[in-house]
C-alpha cells in the first residue's frame, strides 16, 4: 500500500459512490444500457438482511476512485469455497498507480484468510489491457471455458420448465 491511496472494505455510506463507479464501468464497457439496478438495490444486497456480495474500495485523498465487488463461490473439485470477483474498476485518471494491483492483492489476502481454494473472475476478450494486466499478476486466462448466462425472459422460461 502506498500513502497515495488505501484499500478497505466498503461501508454502507460508500454505496452511492460505488454505484457511480458501476455506471462508469458500464460506460467504459459500452454496456450502460444494461445497468437496470439502483444504488438502493446495491445497498440492500451489500448490507441488508441477506448479504449477497461484498465490496472493497480504493480511496485517494478521501475520494473513492475504484472498487471491486465480489462474492463467494464453491469448487466441487477442491471442495472449498472461493471468491469470485464480479467487477474491478479504477477511474481512468487513477490507473497505473498500483490501485488495481493492490485491490487484487487485498482480495487474494482475503481468500487466504478465508481458506478459499481459488480467486477467479472473467475478463472481456477484447480488453487486451486488462488481460495483460491480469496475466502479469499471475492469472491464467482459461481458453477452454465460456460463460453461460440466462436472464430476463429466458430465465423465466427456464424456470417454468417442468421435469
N, C-alpha and C. Protein backbone atom coordinates (compact mmCIF):
# COMPACT_ATOMS: atom_id res chain seq x y z
N UNK A 1 0.85 -1.18 0.00
CA UNK A 1 0.00 0.00 0.00
C UNK A 1 0.89 1.24 0.00
N UNK A 2 0.39 2.25 -0.61
CA UNK A 2 1.12 3.50 -0.71
C UNK A 2 0.38 4.59 0.04
N UNK A 3 1.06 5.66 0.34
CA UNK A 3 0.41 6.76 1.05
C UNK A 3 -0.57 7.51 0.16
N UNK A 4 -0.49 7.30 -1.17
CA UNK A 4 -1.41 7.99 -2.09
C UNK A 4 -2.83 7.45 -2.00
N UNK A 5 -2.97 6.18 -1.73
CA UNK A 5 -4.29 5.57 -1.68
C UNK A 5 -4.34 4.50 -0.61
N UNK A 6 -5.58 4.12 -0.27
CA UNK A 6 -5.75 2.99 0.63
C UNK A 6 -6.89 2.12 0.12
N UNK A 7 -6.78 0.83 0.42
CA UNK A 7 -7.80 -0.15 0.04
C UNK A 7 -8.46 -0.59 1.33
N UNK A 8 -9.79 -0.65 1.32
CA UNK A 8 -10.51 -1.08 2.51
C UNK A 8 -11.83 -1.71 2.12
N UNK A 9 -12.41 -2.46 3.07
CA UNK A 9 -13.76 -2.97 2.88
C UNK A 9 -14.73 -1.79 2.81
N UNK A 10 -15.74 -1.95 2.01
CA UNK A 10 -16.72 -0.87 1.88
C UNK A 10 -17.60 -0.79 3.11
N UNK A 11 -18.18 0.38 3.30
CA UNK A 11 -19.18 0.61 4.35
C UNK A 11 -20.44 1.13 3.65
N UNK A 12 -21.54 1.13 4.37
CA UNK A 12 -22.82 1.49 3.78
C UNK A 12 -22.79 2.89 3.15
N UNK A 13 -22.07 3.82 3.74
CA UNK A 13 -22.01 5.18 3.20
C UNK A 13 -21.29 5.26 1.85
N UNK A 14 -20.57 4.20 1.47
CA UNK A 14 -19.86 4.17 0.19
C UNK A 14 -20.76 3.83 -0.98
N UNK A 15 -21.94 3.31 -0.71
CA UNK A 15 -22.78 2.76 -1.78
C UNK A 15 -23.05 3.74 -2.91
N UNK A 16 -23.42 5.00 -2.66
CA UNK A 16 -23.66 5.90 -3.79
C UNK A 16 -22.42 6.06 -4.69
N UNK A 17 -21.24 6.14 -4.08
CA UNK A 17 -20.02 6.27 -4.88
C UNK A 17 -19.71 4.98 -5.63
N UNK A 18 -19.93 3.84 -5.00
CA UNK A 18 -19.71 2.56 -5.69
C UNK A 18 -20.66 2.47 -6.87
N UNK A 19 -21.91 2.85 -6.68
CA UNK A 19 -22.87 2.76 -7.77
C UNK A 19 -22.48 3.68 -8.93
N UNK A 20 -21.95 4.86 -8.63
CA UNK A 20 -21.47 5.74 -9.71
C UNK A 20 -20.31 5.08 -10.46
N UNK A 21 -19.45 4.38 -9.74
CA UNK A 21 -18.35 3.67 -10.40
C UNK A 21 -18.86 2.50 -11.25
N UNK A 22 -19.92 1.85 -10.79
CA UNK A 22 -20.54 0.79 -11.60
C UNK A 22 -21.05 1.38 -12.90
N UNK A 23 -21.66 2.54 -12.83
CA UNK A 23 -22.14 3.21 -14.05
C UNK A 23 -20.97 3.59 -14.96
N UNK A 24 -19.88 4.05 -14.37
CA UNK A 24 -18.69 4.39 -15.17
C UNK A 24 -18.09 3.14 -15.81
N UNK A 25 -18.09 2.02 -15.10
CA UNK A 25 -17.61 0.77 -15.66
C UNK A 25 -18.48 0.35 -16.84
N UNK A 26 -19.79 0.44 -16.68
CA UNK A 26 -20.72 0.08 -17.76
C UNK A 26 -20.49 0.96 -18.98
N UNK A 27 -20.26 2.24 -18.76
CA UNK A 27 -19.98 3.14 -19.87
C UNK A 27 -18.68 2.75 -20.57
N UNK A 28 -17.64 2.44 -19.80
CA UNK A 28 -16.36 2.02 -20.36
C UNK A 28 -16.51 0.77 -21.22
N UNK A 29 -17.35 -0.17 -20.75
CA UNK A 29 -17.55 -1.42 -21.48
C UNK A 29 -18.64 -1.30 -22.55
N UNK A 30 -19.16 -0.09 -22.75
CA UNK A 30 -20.23 0.17 -23.71
C UNK A 30 -21.47 -0.68 -23.40
N UNK A 31 -21.78 -0.77 -22.11
CA UNK A 31 -22.91 -1.57 -21.66
C UNK A 31 -23.84 -0.78 -20.73
N UNK A 32 -23.84 0.53 -20.85
CA UNK A 32 -24.66 1.36 -19.96
C UNK A 32 -26.13 0.96 -19.99
N UNK A 33 -26.60 0.52 -21.14
CA UNK A 33 -28.00 0.12 -21.27
C UNK A 33 -28.35 -1.10 -20.41
N UNK A 34 -27.34 -1.81 -19.92
CA UNK A 34 -27.60 -2.99 -19.10
C UNK A 34 -27.68 -2.68 -17.60
N UNK A 35 -27.39 -1.46 -17.22
CA UNK A 35 -27.49 -1.09 -15.80
C UNK A 35 -28.96 -0.77 -15.52
N UNK A 36 -29.62 -1.73 -14.88
CA UNK A 36 -31.04 -1.55 -14.59
C UNK A 36 -31.32 -1.49 -13.09
N UNK A 37 -30.33 -1.78 -12.28
CA UNK A 37 -30.49 -1.72 -10.84
C UNK A 37 -30.32 -0.31 -10.32
N UNK A 38 -30.40 -0.18 -9.01
CA UNK A 38 -30.28 1.12 -8.36
C UNK A 38 -29.27 1.05 -7.22
N UNK A 39 -28.88 2.20 -6.74
CA UNK A 39 -28.00 2.26 -5.57
C UNK A 39 -28.70 1.65 -4.36
N UNK A 40 -30.00 1.82 -4.27
CA UNK A 40 -30.77 1.24 -3.17
C UNK A 40 -30.72 -0.29 -3.23
N UNK A 41 -30.85 -0.87 -4.42
CA UNK A 41 -30.72 -2.32 -4.58
C UNK A 41 -29.34 -2.78 -4.13
N UNK A 42 -28.32 -2.05 -4.59
CA UNK A 42 -26.95 -2.40 -4.23
C UNK A 42 -26.76 -2.37 -2.72
N UNK A 43 -27.27 -1.34 -2.09
CA UNK A 43 -27.14 -1.23 -0.63
C UNK A 43 -27.80 -2.42 0.06
N UNK A 44 -28.96 -2.80 -0.39
CA UNK A 44 -29.66 -3.94 0.21
C UNK A 44 -28.85 -5.22 0.03
N UNK A 45 -28.24 -5.41 -1.12
CA UNK A 45 -27.51 -6.64 -1.39
C UNK A 45 -26.13 -6.70 -0.72
N UNK A 46 -25.56 -5.53 -0.45
CA UNK A 46 -24.27 -5.49 0.23
C UNK A 46 -24.41 -5.45 1.75
N UNK A 47 -25.48 -4.81 2.24
CA UNK A 47 -25.58 -4.56 3.68
C UNK A 47 -26.93 -4.91 4.29
N UNK A 48 -27.83 -5.53 3.53
CA UNK A 48 -29.17 -5.82 4.03
C UNK A 48 -29.22 -7.07 4.89
N UNK A 49 -30.43 -7.56 5.08
CA UNK A 49 -30.64 -8.73 5.91
C UNK A 49 -29.96 -9.98 5.39
N UNK A 50 -29.90 -10.13 4.08
CA UNK A 50 -29.17 -11.23 3.46
C UNK A 50 -28.12 -10.62 2.54
N UNK A 51 -26.88 -10.81 2.87
CA UNK A 51 -25.78 -10.23 2.09
C UNK A 51 -25.45 -11.16 0.92
N UNK A 52 -25.48 -10.61 -0.29
CA UNK A 52 -25.19 -11.39 -1.49
C UNK A 52 -23.78 -11.16 -2.01
N UNK A 53 -23.20 -10.04 -1.67
CA UNK A 53 -21.89 -9.69 -2.20
C UNK A 53 -21.19 -8.77 -1.20
N UNK A 54 -19.90 -8.57 -1.45
CA UNK A 54 -19.09 -7.66 -0.66
C UNK A 54 -18.36 -6.75 -1.63
N UNK A 55 -17.81 -5.68 -1.11
CA UNK A 55 -17.05 -4.77 -1.95
C UNK A 55 -15.87 -4.21 -1.17
N UNK A 56 -14.83 -3.92 -1.92
CA UNK A 56 -13.72 -3.14 -1.38
C UNK A 56 -13.63 -1.89 -2.22
N UNK A 57 -13.05 -0.86 -1.64
CA UNK A 57 -12.90 0.41 -2.35
C UNK A 57 -11.46 0.89 -2.26
N UNK A 58 -11.10 1.67 -3.25
CA UNK A 58 -9.80 2.35 -3.25
C UNK A 58 -10.08 3.83 -3.03
N UNK A 59 -9.45 4.38 -2.00
CA UNK A 59 -9.61 5.80 -1.68
C UNK A 59 -8.33 6.54 -2.02
N UNK A 60 -8.51 7.67 -2.67
CA UNK A 60 -7.41 8.58 -2.98
C UNK A 60 -7.81 9.92 -2.40
N UNK A 61 -7.14 10.34 -1.34
CA UNK A 61 -7.46 11.61 -0.67
C UNK A 61 -8.96 11.71 -0.35
N UNK A 62 -9.49 10.71 0.30
CA UNK A 62 -10.88 10.66 0.73
C UNK A 62 -11.90 10.56 -0.41
N UNK A 63 -11.45 10.33 -1.63
CA UNK A 63 -12.36 10.12 -2.75
C UNK A 63 -12.26 8.67 -3.17
N UNK A 64 -13.39 8.01 -3.37
CA UNK A 64 -13.38 6.62 -3.84
C UNK A 64 -13.17 6.65 -5.35
N UNK A 65 -12.07 6.05 -5.78
CA UNK A 65 -11.67 6.09 -7.20
C UNK A 65 -11.67 4.71 -7.84
N UNK A 66 -11.96 3.69 -7.05
CA UNK A 66 -12.01 2.34 -7.58
C UNK A 66 -12.78 1.43 -6.64
N UNK A 67 -13.26 0.32 -7.19
CA UNK A 67 -13.97 -0.66 -6.38
C UNK A 67 -13.77 -2.04 -6.96
N UNK A 68 -13.97 -3.02 -6.12
CA UNK A 68 -14.04 -4.41 -6.55
C UNK A 68 -15.21 -5.03 -5.81
N UNK A 69 -16.12 -5.64 -6.54
CA UNK A 69 -17.28 -6.29 -5.97
C UNK A 69 -17.09 -7.79 -6.14
N UNK A 70 -17.30 -8.55 -5.07
CA UNK A 70 -17.04 -9.98 -5.12
C UNK A 70 -18.05 -10.74 -4.27
N UNK A 71 -18.10 -12.04 -4.49
CA UNK A 71 -18.99 -12.91 -3.71
C UNK A 71 -18.36 -14.29 -3.61
N UNK A 72 -18.94 -15.10 -2.75
CA UNK A 72 -18.44 -16.46 -2.58
C UNK A 72 -18.91 -17.34 -3.72
N UNK A 73 -18.07 -18.32 -4.05
CA UNK A 73 -18.47 -19.40 -4.93
C UNK A 73 -17.94 -20.68 -4.31
N UNK A 74 -18.05 -21.78 -5.01
CA UNK A 74 -17.63 -23.04 -4.43
C UNK A 74 -17.07 -23.94 -5.52
N UNK A 75 -15.97 -24.59 -5.20
CA UNK A 75 -15.35 -25.55 -6.12
C UNK A 75 -15.68 -26.96 -5.65
N UNK A 76 -16.43 -27.68 -6.46
CA UNK A 76 -16.74 -29.06 -6.11
C UNK A 76 -15.49 -29.94 -6.19
N UNK A 77 -14.59 -29.65 -7.10
CA UNK A 77 -13.38 -30.46 -7.22
C UNK A 77 -12.43 -30.23 -6.05
N UNK A 78 -12.31 -28.99 -5.61
CA UNK A 78 -11.45 -28.68 -4.47
C UNK A 78 -12.17 -28.91 -3.14
N UNK A 79 -13.49 -28.99 -3.21
CA UNK A 79 -14.37 -28.99 -2.03
C UNK A 79 -13.98 -27.89 -1.06
N UNK A 80 -13.88 -26.69 -1.65
CA UNK A 80 -13.55 -25.49 -0.87
C UNK A 80 -14.33 -24.30 -1.43
N UNK A 81 -14.62 -23.36 -0.55
CA UNK A 81 -15.20 -22.11 -1.05
C UNK A 81 -14.14 -21.31 -1.81
N UNK A 82 -14.61 -20.39 -2.58
CA UNK A 82 -13.71 -19.49 -3.30
C UNK A 82 -14.28 -18.09 -3.30
N UNK A 83 -13.54 -17.20 -3.91
CA UNK A 83 -14.00 -15.83 -4.10
C UNK A 83 -14.10 -15.58 -5.59
N UNK A 84 -15.26 -15.08 -6.02
CA UNK A 84 -15.45 -14.71 -7.42
C UNK A 84 -15.50 -13.19 -7.48
N UNK A 85 -14.59 -12.63 -8.22
CA UNK A 85 -14.51 -11.19 -8.43
C UNK A 85 -15.46 -10.84 -9.58
N UNK A 86 -16.54 -10.19 -9.25
CA UNK A 86 -17.54 -9.83 -10.26
C UNK A 86 -17.06 -8.67 -11.11
N UNK A 87 -16.56 -7.63 -10.46
CA UNK A 87 -16.08 -6.45 -11.19
C UNK A 87 -14.97 -5.78 -10.41
N UNK A 88 -14.01 -5.28 -11.14
CA UNK A 88 -12.94 -4.44 -10.59
C UNK A 88 -12.82 -3.26 -11.55
N UNK A 89 -12.85 -2.06 -11.00
CA UNK A 89 -12.79 -0.87 -11.85
C UNK A 89 -12.08 0.25 -11.12
N UNK A 90 -11.20 0.92 -11.84
CA UNK A 90 -10.50 2.10 -11.35
C UNK A 90 -10.75 3.21 -12.38
N UNK A 91 -11.11 4.38 -11.90
CA UNK A 91 -11.31 5.51 -12.82
C UNK A 91 -10.07 5.70 -13.68
N UNK A 92 -10.24 5.97 -14.97
CA UNK A 92 -9.09 6.05 -15.88
C UNK A 92 -7.97 6.98 -15.42
N UNK A 93 -8.31 8.11 -14.82
CA UNK A 93 -7.28 9.07 -14.42
C UNK A 93 -6.46 8.59 -13.22
N UNK A 94 -6.89 7.50 -12.58
CA UNK A 94 -6.16 6.96 -11.43
C UNK A 94 -5.47 5.63 -11.74
N UNK A 95 -5.53 5.22 -12.98
CA UNK A 95 -4.88 3.96 -13.37
C UNK A 95 -3.36 4.14 -13.42
N UNK A 96 -2.68 3.03 -13.39
CA UNK A 96 -1.21 2.98 -13.44
C UNK A 96 -0.58 3.58 -12.17
N UNK A 97 -1.33 3.51 -11.08
CA UNK A 97 -0.85 3.98 -9.77
C UNK A 97 -0.69 2.82 -8.79
N UNK A 98 -0.98 1.60 -9.26
CA UNK A 98 -0.90 0.43 -8.40
C UNK A 98 -2.19 0.07 -7.69
N UNK A 99 -3.27 0.78 -8.00
CA UNK A 99 -4.54 0.55 -7.31
C UNK A 99 -5.13 -0.80 -7.66
N UNK A 100 -5.19 -1.13 -8.93
CA UNK A 100 -5.74 -2.43 -9.34
C UNK A 100 -4.94 -3.58 -8.75
N UNK A 101 -3.65 -3.45 -8.80
CA UNK A 101 -2.77 -4.47 -8.22
C UNK A 101 -3.03 -4.62 -6.72
N UNK A 102 -3.17 -3.50 -6.03
CA UNK A 102 -3.42 -3.53 -4.59
C UNK A 102 -4.78 -4.16 -4.28
N UNK A 103 -5.79 -3.88 -5.11
CA UNK A 103 -7.10 -4.48 -4.88
C UNK A 103 -7.06 -5.99 -5.09
N UNK A 104 -6.38 -6.45 -6.15
CA UNK A 104 -6.26 -7.89 -6.36
C UNK A 104 -5.49 -8.55 -5.21
N UNK A 105 -4.44 -7.90 -4.75
CA UNK A 105 -3.67 -8.44 -3.62
C UNK A 105 -4.54 -8.51 -2.37
N UNK A 106 -5.34 -7.49 -2.13
CA UNK A 106 -6.24 -7.46 -0.97
C UNK A 106 -7.21 -8.64 -1.05
N UNK A 107 -7.77 -8.88 -2.23
CA UNK A 107 -8.71 -9.99 -2.40
C UNK A 107 -8.01 -11.34 -2.23
N UNK A 108 -6.78 -11.45 -2.71
CA UNK A 108 -6.00 -12.68 -2.52
C UNK A 108 -5.76 -12.91 -1.04
N UNK A 109 -5.47 -11.84 -0.30
CA UNK A 109 -5.27 -11.98 1.15
C UNK A 109 -6.55 -12.46 1.82
N UNK A 110 -7.70 -11.91 1.40
CA UNK A 110 -8.98 -12.36 1.95
C UNK A 110 -9.20 -13.84 1.64
N UNK A 111 -8.88 -14.24 0.41
CA UNK A 111 -9.05 -15.64 0.03
C UNK A 111 -8.20 -16.55 0.91
N UNK A 112 -6.96 -16.15 1.15
CA UNK A 112 -6.07 -16.95 2.00
C UNK A 112 -6.61 -16.99 3.43
N UNK A 113 -7.03 -15.85 3.96
CA UNK A 113 -7.59 -15.79 5.32
C UNK A 113 -8.82 -16.66 5.46
N UNK A 114 -9.62 -16.74 4.41
CA UNK A 114 -10.88 -17.50 4.44
C UNK A 114 -10.69 -18.96 4.02
N UNK A 115 -9.44 -19.36 3.80
CA UNK A 115 -9.13 -20.71 3.35
C UNK A 115 -9.83 -21.06 2.05
N UNK A 116 -9.91 -20.10 1.16
CA UNK A 116 -10.55 -20.31 -0.14
C UNK A 116 -9.62 -21.11 -1.05
N UNK A 117 -10.23 -21.90 -1.91
CA UNK A 117 -9.45 -22.70 -2.85
C UNK A 117 -8.99 -21.92 -4.06
N UNK A 118 -9.67 -20.81 -4.36
CA UNK A 118 -9.29 -20.03 -5.53
C UNK A 118 -9.95 -18.65 -5.52
N UNK A 119 -9.34 -17.79 -6.29
CA UNK A 119 -9.87 -16.46 -6.60
C UNK A 119 -9.99 -16.44 -8.11
N UNK A 120 -11.17 -16.15 -8.61
CA UNK A 120 -11.34 -16.16 -10.06
C UNK A 120 -12.27 -15.04 -10.51
N UNK A 121 -12.21 -14.76 -11.81
CA UNK A 121 -13.02 -13.71 -12.42
C UNK A 121 -13.02 -13.93 -13.92
N UNK A 122 -13.85 -13.16 -14.61
CA UNK A 122 -13.92 -13.18 -16.07
C UNK A 122 -13.39 -11.86 -16.60
N UNK A 123 -12.96 -11.89 -17.84
CA UNK A 123 -12.50 -10.68 -18.49
C UNK A 123 -13.01 -10.71 -19.94
N UNK A 124 -13.44 -9.55 -20.43
CA UNK A 124 -13.91 -9.48 -21.81
C UNK A 124 -12.75 -9.76 -22.76
N UNK A 125 -13.02 -10.54 -23.80
CA UNK A 125 -11.94 -10.96 -24.71
C UNK A 125 -11.32 -9.80 -25.48
N UNK A 126 -12.02 -8.69 -25.62
CA UNK A 126 -11.47 -7.54 -26.34
C UNK A 126 -10.61 -6.64 -25.45
N UNK A 127 -10.67 -6.85 -24.14
CA UNK A 127 -9.98 -5.97 -23.21
C UNK A 127 -8.52 -6.43 -23.02
N UNK A 128 -7.72 -6.18 -24.03
CA UNK A 128 -6.34 -6.65 -24.04
C UNK A 128 -5.50 -6.06 -22.91
N UNK A 129 -5.76 -4.81 -22.55
CA UNK A 129 -5.02 -4.20 -21.43
C UNK A 129 -5.29 -4.94 -20.13
N UNK A 130 -6.56 -5.26 -19.88
CA UNK A 130 -6.91 -5.98 -18.66
C UNK A 130 -6.32 -7.39 -18.67
N UNK A 131 -6.40 -8.06 -19.81
CA UNK A 131 -5.84 -9.41 -19.91
C UNK A 131 -4.35 -9.40 -19.62
N UNK A 132 -3.64 -8.47 -20.21
CA UNK A 132 -2.19 -8.38 -19.98
C UNK A 132 -1.90 -8.07 -18.51
N UNK A 133 -2.69 -7.18 -17.92
CA UNK A 133 -2.51 -6.84 -16.51
C UNK A 133 -2.73 -8.07 -15.63
N UNK A 134 -3.82 -8.79 -15.86
CA UNK A 134 -4.12 -9.96 -15.05
C UNK A 134 -3.04 -11.04 -15.21
N UNK A 135 -2.59 -11.23 -16.42
CA UNK A 135 -1.53 -12.21 -16.64
C UNK A 135 -0.24 -11.80 -15.94
N UNK A 136 0.05 -10.51 -15.91
CA UNK A 136 1.25 -10.04 -15.22
C UNK A 136 1.17 -10.29 -13.71
N UNK A 137 -0.05 -10.45 -13.20
CA UNK A 137 -0.28 -10.71 -11.79
C UNK A 137 -0.29 -12.22 -11.48
N UNK A 138 -0.10 -13.03 -12.51
CA UNK A 138 -0.06 -14.48 -12.31
C UNK A 138 -1.34 -15.21 -12.66
N UNK A 139 -2.33 -14.50 -13.16
CA UNK A 139 -3.60 -15.14 -13.52
C UNK A 139 -3.47 -15.88 -14.84
N UNK A 140 -4.17 -16.99 -14.95
CA UNK A 140 -4.25 -17.75 -16.20
C UNK A 140 -5.61 -17.44 -16.83
N UNK A 141 -5.61 -17.06 -18.08
CA UNK A 141 -6.86 -16.86 -18.81
C UNK A 141 -7.20 -18.21 -19.42
N UNK A 142 -8.31 -18.77 -18.98
CA UNK A 142 -8.68 -20.12 -19.39
C UNK A 142 -9.37 -20.10 -20.76
N UNK A 143 -8.71 -20.66 -21.78
CA UNK A 143 -9.27 -20.58 -23.13
C UNK A 143 -10.40 -21.57 -23.38
N UNK A 144 -10.53 -22.57 -22.54
CA UNK A 144 -11.49 -23.63 -22.80
C UNK A 144 -12.80 -23.49 -22.02
N UNK A 145 -13.02 -22.35 -21.37
CA UNK A 145 -14.24 -22.12 -20.61
C UNK A 145 -14.97 -20.93 -21.21
N UNK A 146 -16.29 -21.04 -21.29
CA UNK A 146 -17.13 -19.95 -21.76
C UNK A 146 -18.20 -19.69 -20.72
N UNK A 147 -18.56 -18.46 -20.53
CA UNK A 147 -19.60 -18.08 -19.58
C UNK A 147 -20.97 -18.35 -20.19
N UNK A 148 -21.83 -18.98 -19.43
CA UNK A 148 -23.22 -19.18 -19.84
C UNK A 148 -24.09 -18.29 -18.96
N UNK A 149 -25.08 -17.68 -19.58
CA UNK A 149 -25.92 -16.74 -18.83
C UNK A 149 -27.36 -16.86 -19.31
N UNK A 150 -28.28 -16.88 -18.37
CA UNK A 150 -29.70 -16.89 -18.66
C UNK A 150 -30.31 -15.71 -17.91
N UNK A 151 -30.98 -14.81 -18.62
CA UNK A 151 -31.58 -13.63 -17.99
C UNK A 151 -32.97 -13.37 -18.56
N UNK A 152 -33.66 -12.47 -17.92
CA UNK A 152 -34.95 -11.94 -18.37
C UNK A 152 -35.93 -13.04 -18.78
N UNK A 153 -36.46 -12.96 -20.00
CA UNK A 153 -37.47 -13.92 -20.46
C UNK A 153 -36.92 -15.34 -20.50
N UNK A 154 -35.67 -15.49 -20.91
CA UNK A 154 -35.07 -16.83 -20.96
C UNK A 154 -35.00 -17.44 -19.56
N UNK A 155 -34.72 -16.62 -18.56
CA UNK A 155 -34.69 -17.11 -17.18
C UNK A 155 -36.10 -17.55 -16.74
N UNK A 156 -37.09 -16.73 -17.07
CA UNK A 156 -38.47 -17.09 -16.74
C UNK A 156 -38.88 -18.38 -17.44
N UNK A 157 -38.51 -18.52 -18.70
CA UNK A 157 -38.86 -19.73 -19.46
C UNK A 157 -38.16 -20.95 -18.88
N UNK A 158 -36.92 -20.82 -18.51
CA UNK A 158 -36.20 -21.95 -17.92
C UNK A 158 -36.82 -22.34 -16.59
N UNK A 159 -37.22 -21.36 -15.81
CA UNK A 159 -37.83 -21.64 -14.50
C UNK A 159 -39.17 -22.36 -14.65
N UNK A 160 -39.84 -22.14 -15.78
CA UNK A 160 -41.16 -22.73 -15.99
C UNK A 160 -41.12 -24.15 -16.54
N UNK A 161 -39.95 -24.64 -16.91
CA UNK A 161 -39.84 -25.99 -17.46
C UNK A 161 -40.13 -27.00 -16.36
N UNK A 162 -41.03 -27.92 -16.67
CA UNK A 162 -41.33 -28.96 -15.70
C UNK A 162 -40.49 -30.19 -16.03
N UNK A 163 -39.97 -30.83 -14.98
CA UNK A 163 -39.11 -32.01 -15.17
C UNK A 163 -39.93 -33.20 -15.58
